[in-house]
Amino acid sequence: MRRLGEFPDPDGLSELLLRLTVNSTVYCFFMTSPWGFKVPARPVPAFHILTAGGGWLEVDGQPEPIRLSAGDIAILPRGEGHVVRDSPKTSSLPWLDRVLADASLLDGRLALGGGGRRSELLCGGFAIDPMAGRLLLNALPTVVHLRGSEGLAPEWLVGLIRMIATEMASSGPGSQAVVTRLTDALISQALRQCLVDIDSSLDKAAAFTDPQIARALRMMRDHPDHQWRVPEIAASVSMSRSAFAERFRAVMGETPMQHLTRYRMARAAEYLRHSNAGIREIARLTGYDSEVSVSKAFRRQFGVTPGAYRKTRVTEPVSRAD
């Protein structure tokens, strides 16, 4: 038999992922609307997995709330402060620590809410290897959001979510341990998926081991609406313009602005597939000053207009950089 790690000539990203060990702390919630809680910023990654129902995630520093549906997973790699609730209208939210102290137990799970629409949530934090893991997390965006079955999820996500939901429902002997181990596997796979999606070529894993390039990538991806220029990005990562441009191209195989454009177009395609945002709003969210400019860039990238792309409602992205 061949053990993991003994495959010939493993790629750079695999080398890092093989050293990534996830150990999570999981809280299982059974909730009825209205419900919600606040989580303060902490120096550890956090996650939320919605196995039933729906809710909203609002993260400090992020302009738009994120709609969560059954089967979704959201990871905050650097543990920013955030709010999770059933509706943007739900107010007077307690801190999570207070919820954990005061919530009642229902079949071994924490019960929360006012008796309305039902949702089920796993949440918590996770620890990773401080050497390999930190470099990987620094390359990720502020929020990793993988959509579940309602968002045409990959089979591995659907399967793991289904297994976790089954174990949560059973509350049998050993369920807590099984849910925790399945959650560890789910988070590991989600991190891998996101890292691979950052750039489809695994041999560019050097981007994840170069702290300055990783920081530049994170800035562009966290704020694609900003009017970025290469000198500003270079200064933000304490490099000269020429040194940054040269290193970025060596690591990523393209210029900073080529990468930013490709990422912006991937985000535009995401908005067209999964929201009803108009072209003007998509232009604003992706750093373009008009519908005409974003439409021209989109057509150059995908060969079709945004309107034609939206009508197809494709199930797989034409190009992804996120």
C-alpha atoms as a PDB file:
ATOM      1  CA  MET A   1       0.000   0.000   0.000  1.00  0.00           C
ATOM      2  CA  ARG A   2       1.106   3.568  -0.648  1.00  0.00           C
ATOM      3  CA  ARG A   3       0.674   6.057   2.169  1.00  0.00           C
ATOM      4  CA  LEU A   4      -0.261   9.690   1.624  1.00  0.00           C
ATOM      5  CA  GLY A   5       2.917  11.666   1.195  1.00  0.00           C
ATOM      6  CA  GLU A   6       4.699   8.883  -0.705  1.00  0.00           C
ATOM      7  CA  PHE A   7       3.311   9.735  -4.131  1.00  0.00           C
ATOM      8  CA  PRO A   8       6.097  10.597  -6.571  1.00  0.00           C
ATOM      9  CA  ASP A   9       6.922  14.295  -6.915  1.00  0.00           C
ATOM     10  CA  PRO A  10       4.056  15.797  -4.840  1.00  0.00           C
ATOM     11  CA  ASP A  11       3.077  19.327  -5.870  1.00  0.00           C
ATOM     12  CA  GLY A  12       3.781  22.297  -3.631  1.00  0.00           C
ATOM     13  CA  LEU A  13       0.237  22.727  -2.378  1.00  0.00           C
ATOM     14  CA  SER A  14      -0.005  19.029  -1.492  1.00  0.00           C
ATOM     15  CA  GLU A  15       3.234  19.338   0.485  1.00  0.00           C
ATOM     16  CA  LEU A  16       1.637  22.096   2.556  1.00  0.00           C
ATOM     17  CA  LEU A  17      -1.749  20.420   2.929  1.00  0.00           C
ATOM     18  CA  LEU A  18      -0.198  17.158   4.118  1.00  0.00           C
ATOM     19  CA  ARG A  19       1.219  19.116   7.066  1.00  0.00           C
ATOM     20  CA  LEU A  20      -2.106  20.853   7.795  1.00  0.00           C
ATOM     21  CA  THR A  21      -3.867  19.325  10.800  1.00  0.00           C
ATOM     22  CA  VAL A  22      -7.286  20.706  11.761  1.00  0.00           C
ATOM     23  CA  ASN A  23      -8.622  20.224  15.292  1.00  0.00           C
ATOM     24  CA  SER A  24     -12.017  21.845  15.778  1.00  0.00           C
ATOM     25  CA  THR A  25     -14.201  22.753  18.729  1.00  0.00           C
ATOM     26  CA  VAL A  26     -17.834  22.235  17.699  1.00  0.00           C
ATOM     27  CA  TYR A  27     -21.077  23.567  19.170  1.00  0.00           C
ATOM     28  CA  CYS A  28     -24.375  22.151  17.843  1.00  0.00           C
ATOM     29  CA  PHE A  29     -27.368  24.510  17.893  1.00  0.00           C
ATOM     30  CA  PHE A  30     -31.053  23.768  17.429  1.00  0.00           C
ATOM     31  CA  MET A  31     -32.627  27.180  16.741  1.00  0.00           C
ATOM     32  CA  THR A  32     -36.035  28.686  16.100  1.00  0.00           C
ATOM     33  CA  SER A  33     -36.630  32.223  14.839  1.00  0.00           C
ATOM     34  CA  PRO A  34     -35.897  34.820  15.961  1.00  0.00           C
ATOM     35  CA  TRP A  35     -32.347  33.851  16.884  1.00  0.00           C
ATOM     36  CA  GLY A  36     -28.854  35.269  16.624  1.00  0.00           C
ATOM     37  CA  PHE A  37     -25.595  35.980  18.427  1.00  0.00           C
ATOM     38  CA  LYS A  38     -22.407  38.025  18.193  1.00  0.00           C
ATOM     39  CA  VAL A  39     -18.866  36.648  18.131  1.00  0.00           C
ATOM     40  CA  PRO A  40     -15.935  38.922  19.063  1.00  0.00           C
ATOM     41  CA  ALA A  41     -12.739  39.011  17.029  1.00  0.00           C
ATOM     42  CA  ARG A  42     -10.360  36.276  18.160  1.00  0.00           C
ATOM     43  CA  PRO A  43      -6.899  35.163  16.991  1.00  0.00           C
ATOM     44  CA  VAL A  44      -8.230  31.748  15.909  1.00  0.00           C
ATOM     45  CA  PRO A  45     -10.177  30.715  12.796  1.00  0.00           C
ATOM     46  CA  ALA A  46     -13.956  30.363  13.148  1.00  0.00           C
ATOM     47  CA  PHE A  47     -16.570  28.490  11.144  1.00  0.00           C
ATOM     48  CA  HIS A  48     -20.341  28.106  10.749  1.00  0.00           C
ATOM     49  CA  ILE A  49     -22.046  25.147   9.047  1.00  0.00           C
ATOM     50  CA  LEU A  50     -25.792  25.419   8.445  1.00  0.00           C
ATOM     51  CA  THR A  51     -27.294  21.934   8.186  1.00  0.00           C
ATOM     52  CA  ALA A  52     -30.942  23.080   8.076  1.00  0.00           C
ATOM     53  CA  GLY A  53     -32.847  26.344   7.685  1.00  0.00           C
ATOM     54  CA  GLY A  54     -31.302  29.679   6.788  1.00  0.00           C
ATOM     55  CA  GLY A  55     -29.549  32.707   8.229  1.00  0.00           C
ATOM     56  CA  TRP A  56     -27.251  35.668   7.656  1.00  0.00           C
ATOM     57  CA  LEU A  57     -23.564  36.231   8.401  1.00  0.00           C
ATOM     58  CA  GLU A  58     -22.226  39.772   8.852  1.00  0.00           C
ATOM     59  CA  VAL A  59     -18.457  40.175   9.225  1.00  0.00           C
ATOM     60  CA  ASP A  60     -16.612  43.223  10.572  1.00  0.00           C
ATOM     61  CA  GLY A  61     -15.061  45.205   7.744  1.00  0.00           C
ATOM     62  CA  GLN A  62     -17.122  43.517   5.021  1.00  0.00           C
ATOM     63  CA  PRO A  63     -19.692  45.764   3.305  1.00  0.00           C
ATOM     64  CA  GLU A  64     -22.222  43.097   2.331  1.00  0.00           C
ATOM     65  CA  PRO A  65     -23.952  40.491   4.570  1.00  0.00           C
ATOM     66  CA  ILE A  66     -23.783  36.868   3.403  1.00  0.00           C
ATOM     67  CA  ARG A  67     -26.958  34.823   3.007  1.00  0.00           C
ATOM     68  CA  LEU A  68     -26.534  31.312   4.400  1.00  0.00           C
ATOM     69  CA  SER A  69     -28.706  28.426   3.227  1.00  0.00           C
ATOM     70  CA  ALA A  70     -28.945  24.788   4.286  1.00  0.00           C
ATOM     71  CA  GLY A  71     -25.705  22.990   3.480  1.00  0.00           C
ATOM     72  CA  ASP A  72     -23.531  26.125   3.428  1.00  0.00           C
ATOM     73  CA  ILE A  73     -20.205  26.424   5.208  1.00  0.00           C
ATOM     74  CA  ALA A  74     -18.585  29.752   6.090  1.00  0.00           C
ATOM     75  CA  ILE A  75     -15.026  29.944   7.411  1.00  0.00           C
ATOM     76  CA  LEU A  76     -13.324  33.048   8.823  1.00  0.00           C
ATOM     77  CA  PRO A  77      -9.631  32.121   8.534  1.00  0.00           C
ATOM     78  CA  ARG A  78      -8.410  34.978  10.741  1.00  0.00           C
ATOM     79  CA  GLY A  79     -11.296  35.100  13.222  1.00  0.00           C
ATOM     80  CA  GLU A  80     -12.783  38.545  12.562  1.00  0.00           C
ATOM     81  CA  GLY A  81     -15.690  39.673  14.723  1.00  0.00           C
ATOM     82  CA  HIS A  82     -19.055  38.761  13.249  1.00  0.00           C
ATOM     83  CA  VAL A  83     -22.787  38.309  13.733  1.00  0.00           C
ATOM     84  CA  VAL A  84     -24.948  35.306  12.823  1.00  0.00           C
ATOM     85  CA  ARG A  85     -28.741  35.627  12.875  1.00  0.00           C
ATOM     86  CA  ASP A  86     -31.904  34.398  11.215  1.00  0.00           C
ATOM     87  CA  SER A  87     -32.804  37.789   9.730  1.00  0.00           C
ATOM     88  CA  PRO A  88     -31.137  41.201   9.345  1.00  0.00           C
ATOM     89  CA  LYS A  89     -34.112  42.553  11.321  1.00  0.00           C
ATOM     90  CA  THR A  90     -33.346  40.478  14.436  1.00  0.00           C
ATOM     91  CA  SER A  91     -31.803  42.794  17.038  1.00  0.00           C
ATOM     92  CA  SER A  92     -30.571  42.821  20.658  1.00  0.00           C
ATOM     93  CA  LEU A  93     -28.163  39.978  20.016  1.00  0.00           C
ATOM     94  CA  PRO A  94     -26.207  38.379  22.884  1.00  0.00           C
ATOM     95  CA  TRP A  95     -22.544  37.428  22.743  1.00  0.00           C
ATOM     96  CA  LEU A  96     -21.834  33.780  21.917  1.00  0.00           C
ATOM     97  CA  ASP A  97     -20.135  33.168  25.284  1.00  0.00           C
ATOM     98  CA  ARG A  98     -23.345  34.240  27.029  1.00  0.00           C
ATOM     99  CA  VAL A  99     -25.433  32.023  24.732  1.00  0.00           C
ATOM    100  CA  LEU A 100     -23.243  29.014  25.557  1.00  0.00           C
ATOM    101  CA  ALA A 101     -23.621  29.731  29.258  1.00  0.00           C
ATOM    102  CA  ASP A 102     -27.393  30.296  29.211  1.00  0.00           C
ATOM    103  CA  ALA A 103     -28.806  28.129  26.387  1.00  0.00           C
ATOM    104  CA  SER A 104     -30.849  25.079  27.352  1.00  0.00           C
ATOM    105  CA  LEU A 105     -30.102  21.588  26.042  1.00  0.00           C
ATOM    106  CA  LEU A 106     -32.417  19.714  23.675  1.00  0.00           C
ATOM    107  CA  ASP A 107     -31.379  16.109  22.943  1.00  0.00           C
ATOM    108  CA  GLY A 108     -27.790  17.030  23.735  1.00  0.00           C
ATOM    109  CA  ARG A 109     -27.832  20.145  21.553  1.00  0.00           C
ATOM    110  CA  LEU A 110     -28.019  23.799  22.509  1.00  0.00           C
ATOM    111  CA  ALA A 111     -31.517  25.250  22.051  1.00  0.00           C
ATOM    112  CA  LEU A 112     -31.909  28.912  21.118  1.00  0.00           C
ATOM    113  CA  GLY A 113     -34.638  31.179  19.766  1.00  0.00           C
ATOM    114  CA  GLY A 114     -38.257  32.230  19.944  1.00  0.00           C
ATOM    115  CA  GLY A 115     -40.235  29.278  18.632  1.00  0.00           C
ATOM    116  CA  GLY A 116     -40.510  30.182  14.941  1.00  0.00           C
ATOM    117  CA  ARG A 117     -38.845  28.772  11.833  1.00  0.00           C
ATOM    118  CA  ARG A 118     -36.305  26.049  12.590  1.00  0.00           C
ATOM    119  CA  SER A 119     -32.589  26.072  11.742  1.00  0.00           C
ATOM    120  CA  GLU A 120     -29.665  23.873  12.752  1.00  0.00           C
ATOM    121  CA  LEU A 121     -26.129  25.193  13.007  1.00  0.00           C
ATOM    122  CA  LEU A 122     -22.699  23.877  13.862  1.00  0.00           C
ATOM    123  CA  CYS A 123     -20.233  26.554  14.809  1.00  0.00           C
ATOM    124  CA  GLY A 124     -16.947  26.914  16.600  1.00  0.00           C
ATOM    125  CA  GLY A 125     -13.271  27.460  16.060  1.00  0.00           C
ATOM    126  CA  PHE A 126     -10.383  25.330  14.950  1.00  0.00           C
ATOM    127  CA  ALA A 127      -6.675  25.091  15.618  1.00  0.00           C
ATOM    128  CA  ILE A 128      -4.136  24.394  12.902  1.00  0.00           C
ATOM    129  CA  ASP A 129      -0.442  23.676  12.668  1.00  0.00           C
ATOM    130  CA  PRO A 130       1.185  27.043  13.478  1.00  0.00           C
ATOM    131  CA  MET A 131       3.848  26.715  10.771  1.00  0.00           C
ATOM    132  CA  ALA A 132       2.237  25.327   7.611  1.00  0.00           C
ATOM    133  CA  GLY A 133      -1.300  26.371   8.527  1.00  0.00           C
ATOM    134  CA  ARG A 134      -0.661  30.044   9.127  1.00  0.00           C
ATOM    135  CA  LEU A 135       0.848  30.540   5.677  1.00  0.00           C
ATOM    136  CA  LEU A 136      -2.158  28.883   4.061  1.00  0.00           C
ATOM    137  CA  LEU A 137      -4.709  30.895   6.028  1.00  0.00           C
ATOM    138  CA  ASN A 138      -2.969  34.162   5.174  1.00  0.00           C
ATOM    139  CA  ALA A 139      -3.567  33.456   1.484  1.00  0.00           C
ATOM    140  CA  LEU A 140      -7.331  33.094   1.962  1.00  0.00           C
ATOM    141  CA  PRO A 141      -9.978  35.832   1.745  1.00  0.00           C
ATOM    142  CA  THR A 142     -11.609  37.197   4.896  1.00  0.00           C
ATOM    143  CA  VAL A 143     -14.589  34.850   4.432  1.00  0.00           C
ATOM    144  CA  VAL A 144     -14.569  31.453   2.723  1.00  0.00           C
ATOM    145  CA  HIS A 145     -18.178  30.731   1.707  1.00  0.00           C
ATOM    146  CA  LEU A 146     -18.978  27.394   0.079  1.00  0.00           C
ATOM    147  CA  ARG A 147     -22.592  26.965  -0.938  1.00  0.00           C
ATOM    148  CA  GLY A 148     -24.486  23.782  -0.140  1.00  0.00           C
ATOM    149  CA  SER A 149     -27.014  21.840  -2.170  1.00  0.00           C
ATOM    150  CA  GLU A 150     -29.078  24.932  -2.979  1.00  0.00           C
ATOM    151  CA  GLY A 151     -25.978  26.446  -4.574  1.00  0.00           C
ATOM    152  CA  LEU A 152     -25.045  23.396  -6.671  1.00  0.00           C
ATOM    153  CA  ALA A 153     -22.363  22.223  -4.253  1.00  0.00           C
ATOM    154  CA  PRO A 154     -19.644  19.701  -5.089  1.00  0.00           C
ATOM    155  CA  GLU A 155     -20.510  16.154  -4.064  1.00  0.00           C
ATOM    156  CA  TRP A 156     -17.928  16.025  -1.265  1.00  0.00           C
ATOM    157  CA  LEU A 157     -19.611  18.989   0.464  1.00  0.00           C
ATOM    158  CA  VAL A 158     -23.116  17.566   0.065  1.00  0.00           C
ATOM    159  CA  GLY A 159     -21.982  14.169   1.341  1.00  0.00           C
ATOM    160  CA  LEU A 160     -20.165  15.457   4.425  1.00  0.00           C
ATOM    161  CA  ILE A 161     -22.974  17.872   5.347  1.00  0.00           C
ATOM    162  CA  ARG A 162     -25.490  15.022   5.017  1.00  0.00           C
ATOM    163  CA  MET A 163     -23.400  12.776   7.276  1.00  0.00           C
ATOM    164  CA  ILE A 164     -23.027  15.528   9.880  1.00  0.00           C
ATOM    165  CA  ALA A 165     -26.770  16.284   9.817  1.00  0.00           C
ATOM    166  CA  THR A 166     -27.562  12.573  10.247  1.00  0.00           C
ATOM    167  CA  GLU A 167     -25.266  12.290  13.256  1.00  0.00           C
ATOM    168  CA  MET A 168     -26.712  15.465  14.777  1.00  0.00           C
ATOM    169  CA  ALA A 169     -30.232  14.066  14.399  1.00  0.00           C
ATOM    170  CA  SER A 170     -29.364  10.696  15.908  1.00  0.00           C
ATOM    171  CA  SER A 171     -27.824  11.947  19.181  1.00  0.00           C
ATOM    172  CA  GLY A 172     -26.694   8.361  19.737  1.00  0.00           C
ATOM    173  CA  PRO A 173     -23.630   7.073  21.586  1.00  0.00           C
ATOM    174  CA  GLY A 174     -20.473   8.587  20.142  1.00  0.00           C
ATOM    175  CA  SER A 175     -22.322  11.148  18.007  1.00  0.00           C
ATOM    176  CA  GLN A 176     -20.413  14.087  19.482  1.00  0.00           C
ATOM    177  CA  ALA A 177     -17.052  12.537  18.592  1.00  0.00           C
ATOM    178  CA  VAL A 178     -18.212  11.583  15.085  1.00  0.00           C
ATOM    179  CA  VAL A 179     -19.601  15.065  14.388  1.00  0.00           C
ATOM    180  CA  THR A 180     -16.309  16.609  15.520  1.00  0.00           C
ATOM    181  CA  ARG A 181     -14.216  14.324  13.300  1.00  0.00           C
ATOM    182  CA  LEU A 182     -16.488  14.885  10.307  1.00  0.00           C
ATOM    183  CA  THR A 183     -16.272  18.627  10.893  1.00  0.00           C
ATOM    184  CA  ASP A 184     -12.465  18.434  10.943  1.00  0.00           C
ATOM    185  CA  ALA A 185     -12.585  16.654   7.577  1.00  0.00           C
ATOM    186  CA  LEU A 186     -15.081  19.152   6.173  1.00  0.00           C
ATOM    187  CA  ILE A 187     -12.981  22.166   7.163  1.00  0.00           C
ATOM    188  CA  SER A 188      -9.799  20.580   5.795  1.00  0.00           C
ATOM    189  CA  GLN A 189     -11.474  19.871   2.464  1.00  0.00           C
ATOM    190  CA  ALA A 190     -13.033  23.354   2.333  1.00  0.00           C
ATOM    191  CA  LEU A 191      -9.634  24.978   2.903  1.00  0.00           C
ATOM    192  CA  ARG A 192      -8.106  22.807   0.205  1.00  0.00           C
ATOM    193  CA  GLN A 193     -10.899  23.656  -2.242  1.00  0.00           C
ATOM    194  CA  CYS A 194     -10.541  27.368  -1.646  1.00  0.00           C
ATOM    195  CA  LEU A 195      -6.752  27.275  -1.973  1.00  0.00           C
ATOM    196  CA  VAL A 196      -7.000  25.348  -5.221  1.00  0.00           C
ATOM    197  CA  ASP A 197      -9.626  27.779  -6.518  1.00  0.00           C
ATOM    198  CA  ILE A 198      -7.393  30.766  -5.770  1.00  0.00           C
ATOM    199  CA  ASP A 199      -5.392  29.584  -8.716  1.00  0.00           C
ATOM    200  CA  SER A 200      -6.282  26.490 -10.693  1.00  0.00           C
ATOM    201  CA  SER A 201      -2.638  25.514 -11.165  1.00  0.00           C
ATOM    202  CA  LEU A 202      -1.325  23.623  -8.130  1.00  0.00           C
ATOM    203  CA  ASP A 203       2.299  24.255  -9.083  1.00  0.00           C
ATOM    204  CA  LYS A 204       1.797  27.924  -8.132  1.00  0.00           C
ATOM    205  CA  ALA A 205       1.647  27.050  -4.435  1.00  0.00           C
ATOM    206  CA  ALA A 206       4.651  29.327  -3.969  1.00  0.00           C
ATOM    207  CA  ALA A 207       2.061  32.125  -3.638  1.00  0.00           C
ATOM    208  CA  PHE A 208       1.037  30.607  -0.310  1.00  0.00           C
ATOM    209  CA  THR A 209       4.594  30.509   1.041  1.00  0.00           C
ATOM    210  CA  ASP A 210       5.472  34.093   0.068  1.00  0.00           C
ATOM    211  CA  PRO A 211       3.972  36.268   2.845  1.00  0.00           C
ATOM    212  CA  GLN A 212       4.123  39.527   0.867  1.00  0.00           C
ATOM    213  CA  ILE A 213       2.495  38.096  -2.250  1.00  0.00           C
ATOM    214  CA  ALA A 214      -0.099  36.313  -0.086  1.00  0.00           C
ATOM    215  CA  ARG A 215      -0.904  39.612   1.644  1.00  0.00           C
ATOM    216  CA  ALA A 216      -1.238  41.402  -1.687  1.00  0.00           C
ATOM    217  CA  LEU A 217      -3.587  38.699  -2.982  1.00  0.00           C
ATOM    218  CA  ARG A 218      -5.704  38.947   0.143  1.00  0.00           C
ATOM    219  CA  MET A 219      -6.024  42.736  -0.158  1.00  0.00           C
ATOM    220  CA  MET A 220      -7.155  42.546  -3.773  1.00  0.00           C
ATOM    221  CA  ARG A 221      -9.638  39.752  -3.059  1.00  0.00           C
ATOM    222  CA  ASP A 222     -11.050  41.306   0.096  1.00  0.00           C
ATOM    223  CA  HIS A 223     -11.664  44.642  -1.655  1.00  0.00           C
ATOM    224  CA  PRO A 224     -12.091  44.120  -5.420  1.00  0.00           C
ATOM    225  CA  ASP A 225     -14.160  47.335  -5.466  1.00  0.00           C
ATOM    226  CA  HIS A 226     -11.101  49.428  -4.537  1.00  0.00           C
ATOM    227  CA  GLN A 227      -9.321  51.308  -7.314  1.00  0.00           C
ATOM    228  CA  TRP A 228      -6.071  49.409  -6.910  1.00  0.00           C
ATOM    229  CA  ARG A 229      -2.852  50.516  -8.590  1.00  0.00           C
ATOM    230  CA  VAL A 230       0.414  48.563  -8.534  1.00  0.00           C
ATOM    231  CA  PRO A 231       2.390  51.244  -6.599  1.00  0.00           C
ATOM    232  CA  GLU A 232      -0.260  51.265  -3.839  1.00  0.00           C
ATOM    233  CA  ILE A 233      -0.292  47.472  -3.534  1.00  0.00           C
ATOM    234  CA  ALA A 234       3.508  47.336  -3.498  1.00  0.00           C
ATOM    235  CA  ALA A 235       3.716  49.991  -0.780  1.00  0.00           C
ATOM    236  CA  SER A 236       1.121  48.134   1.303  1.00  0.00           C
ATOM    237  CA  VAL A 237       3.357  45.042   1.404  1.00  0.00           C
ATOM    238  CA  SER A 238       6.549  47.079   1.951  1.00  0.00           C
ATOM    239  CA  MET A 239       8.049  46.545  -1.498  1.00  0.00           C
ATOM    240  CA  SER A 240       9.125  48.789  -4.332  1.00  0.00           C
ATOM    241  CA  ARG A 241       6.886  48.846  -7.382  1.00  0.00           C
ATOM    242  CA  SER A 242       9.423  47.134  -9.633  1.00  0.00           C
ATOM    243  CA  ALA A 243      10.406  44.442  -7.111  1.00  0.00           C
ATOM    244  CA  PHE A 244       6.757  43.652  -6.338  1.00  0.00           C
ATOM    245  CA  ALA A 245       5.734  43.454 -10.002  1.00  0.00           C
ATOM    246  CA  GLU A 246       8.662  41.180 -10.804  1.00  0.00           C
ATOM    247  CA  ARG A 247       8.069  38.825  -7.871  1.00  0.00           C
ATOM    248  CA  PHE A 248       4.310  38.710  -8.419  1.00  0.00           C
ATOM    249  CA  ARG A 249       4.761  37.695 -12.041  1.00  0.00           C
ATOM    250  CA  ALA A 250       7.345  35.073 -11.099  1.00  0.00           C
ATOM    251  CA  VAL A 251       5.026  33.534  -8.501  1.00  0.00           C
ATOM    252  CA  MET A 252       1.640  33.878 -10.227  1.00  0.00           C
ATOM    253  CA  GLY A 253       2.590  33.777 -13.891  1.00  0.00           C
ATOM    254  CA  GLU A 254       0.752  37.047 -14.638  1.00  0.00           C
ATOM    255  CA  THR A 255       0.908  40.724 -13.714  1.00  0.00           C
ATOM    256  CA  PRO A 256      -0.904  42.046 -10.613  1.00  0.00           C
ATOM    257  CA  MET A 257      -3.484  43.872 -12.746  1.00  0.00           C
ATOM    258  CA  GLN A 258      -4.101  40.839 -14.950  1.00  0.00           C
ATOM    259  CA  HIS A 259      -4.769  38.784 -11.833  1.00  0.00           C
ATOM    260  CA  LEU A 260      -7.009  41.473 -10.333  1.00  0.00           C
ATOM    261  CA  THR A 261      -9.062  41.702 -13.529  1.00  0.00           C
ATOM    262  CA  ARG A 262      -9.441  37.930 -13.683  1.00  0.00           C
ATOM    263  CA  TYR A 263     -10.564  37.828 -10.057  1.00  0.00           C
ATOM    264  CA  ARG A 264     -12.999  40.716 -10.532  1.00  0.00           C
ATOM    265  CA  MET A 265     -14.567  38.953 -13.492  1.00  0.00           C
ATOM    266  CA  ALA A 266     -14.900  35.746 -11.474  1.00  0.00           C
ATOM    267  CA  ARG A 267     -16.718  37.758  -8.791  1.00  0.00           C
ATOM    268  CA  ALA A 268     -18.924  39.405 -11.434  1.00  0.00           C
ATOM    269  CA  ALA A 269     -19.846  35.957 -12.760  1.00  0.00           C
ATOM    270  CA  GLU A 270     -20.639  34.858  -9.185  1.00  0.00           C
ATOM    271  CA  TYR A 271     -23.001  37.823  -8.721  1.00  0.00           C
ATOM    272  CA  LEU A 272     -24.687  37.081 -12.044  1.00  0.00           C
ATOM    273  CA  ARG A 273     -25.215  33.417 -11.112  1.00  0.00           C
ATOM    274  CA  HIS A 274     -26.305  33.788  -7.509  1.00  0.00           C
ATOM    275  CA  SER A 275     -27.886  37.234  -7.101  1.00  0.00           C
ATOM    276  CA  ASN A 276     -30.292  39.632  -8.758  1.00  0.00           C
ATOM    277  CA  ALA A 277     -27.837  42.547  -8.587  1.00  0.00           C
ATOM    278  CA  GLY A 278     -27.994  44.846 -11.589  1.00  0.00           C
ATOM    279  CA  ILE A 279     -24.997  45.517 -13.851  1.00  0.00           C
ATOM    280  CA  ARG A 280     -24.468  48.935 -12.299  1.00  0.00           C
ATOM    281  CA  GLU A 281     -24.298  47.415  -8.811  1.00  0.00           C
ATOM    282  CA  ILE A 282     -21.953  44.663 -10.016  1.00  0.00           C
ATOM    283  CA  ALA A 283     -19.725  47.326 -11.560  1.00  0.00           C
ATOM    284  CA  ARG A 284     -19.517  49.094  -8.190  1.00  0.00           C
ATOM    285  CA  LEU A 285     -18.777  45.863  -6.309  1.00  0.00           C
ATOM    286  CA  THR A 286     -15.989  44.897  -8.714  1.00  0.00           C
ATOM    287  CA  GLY A 287     -14.214  48.232  -9.034  1.00  0.00           C
ATOM    288  CA  TYR A 288     -15.573  49.515 -12.354  1.00  0.00           C
ATOM    289  CA  ASP A 289     -16.926  53.019 -12.843  1.00  0.00           C
ATOM    290  CA  SER A 290     -19.774  52.182 -15.222  1.00  0.00           C
ATOM    291  CA  GLU A 291     -21.948  49.452 -16.683  1.00  0.00           C
ATOM    292  CA  VAL A 292     -20.151  49.883 -20.006  1.00  0.00           C
ATOM    293  CA  SER A 293     -16.663  49.324 -18.586  1.00  0.00           C
ATOM    294  CA  VAL A 294     -17.585  46.205 -16.588  1.00  0.00           C
ATOM    295  CA  SER A 295     -19.538  44.797 -19.546  1.00  0.00           C
ATOM    296  CA  LYS A 296     -16.547  45.260 -21.880  1.00  0.00           C
ATOM    297  CA  ALA A 297     -14.202  43.583 -19.396  1.00  0.00           C
ATOM    298  CA  PHE A 298     -16.661  40.735 -18.873  1.00  0.00           C
ATOM    299  CA  ARG A 299     -17.035  40.129 -22.609  1.00  0.00           C
ATOM    300  CA  ARG A 300     -13.248  40.084 -23.067  1.00  0.00           C
ATOM    301  CA  GLN A 301     -12.960  37.500 -20.273  1.00  0.00           C
ATOM    302  CA  PHE A 302     -15.863  35.186 -21.137  1.00  0.00           C
ATOM    303  CA  GLY A 303     -16.789  36.001 -24.726  1.00  0.00           C
ATOM    304  CA  VAL A 304     -20.404  36.889 -23.844  1.00  0.00           C
ATOM    305  CA  THR A 305     -22.175  39.894 -22.344  1.00  0.00           C
ATOM    306  CA  PRO A 306     -23.200  39.855 -18.661  1.00  0.00           C
ATOM    307  CA  GLY A 307     -26.853  39.752 -19.703  1.00  0.00           C
ATOM    308  CA  ALA A 308     -26.355  36.719 -21.932  1.00  0.00           C
ATOM    309  CA  TYR A 309     -24.324  34.996 -19.226  1.00  0.00           C
ATOM    310  CA  ARG A 310     -27.033  35.580 -16.616  1.00  0.00           C
ATOM    311  CA  LYS A 311     -29.723  34.133 -18.879  1.00  0.00           C
ATOM    312  CA  THR A 312     -27.836  30.847 -19.146  1.00  0.00           C
ATOM    313  CA  ARG A 313     -27.628  30.462 -15.328  1.00  0.00           C
ATOM    314  CA  VAL A 314     -24.690  28.101 -15.845  1.00  0.00           C
ATOM    315  CA  THR A 315     -24.066  25.489 -13.172  1.00  0.00           C
ATOM    316  CA  GLU A 316     -20.289  25.629 -13.387  1.00  0.00           C
ATOM    317  CA  PRO A 317     -18.183  28.809 -13.494  1.00  0.00           C
ATOM    318  CA  VAL A 318     -16.517  29.579 -16.810  1.00  0.00           C
ATOM    319  CA  SER A 319     -13.438  30.830 -15.007  1.00  0.00           C
ATOM    320  CA  ARG A 320     -12.624  31.058 -11.317  1.00  0.00           C
ATOM    321  CA  ALA A 321     -10.027  32.951  -9.393  1.00  0.00           C
ATOM    322  CA  ASP A 322     -11.727  33.012  -6.004  1.00  0.00           C
END
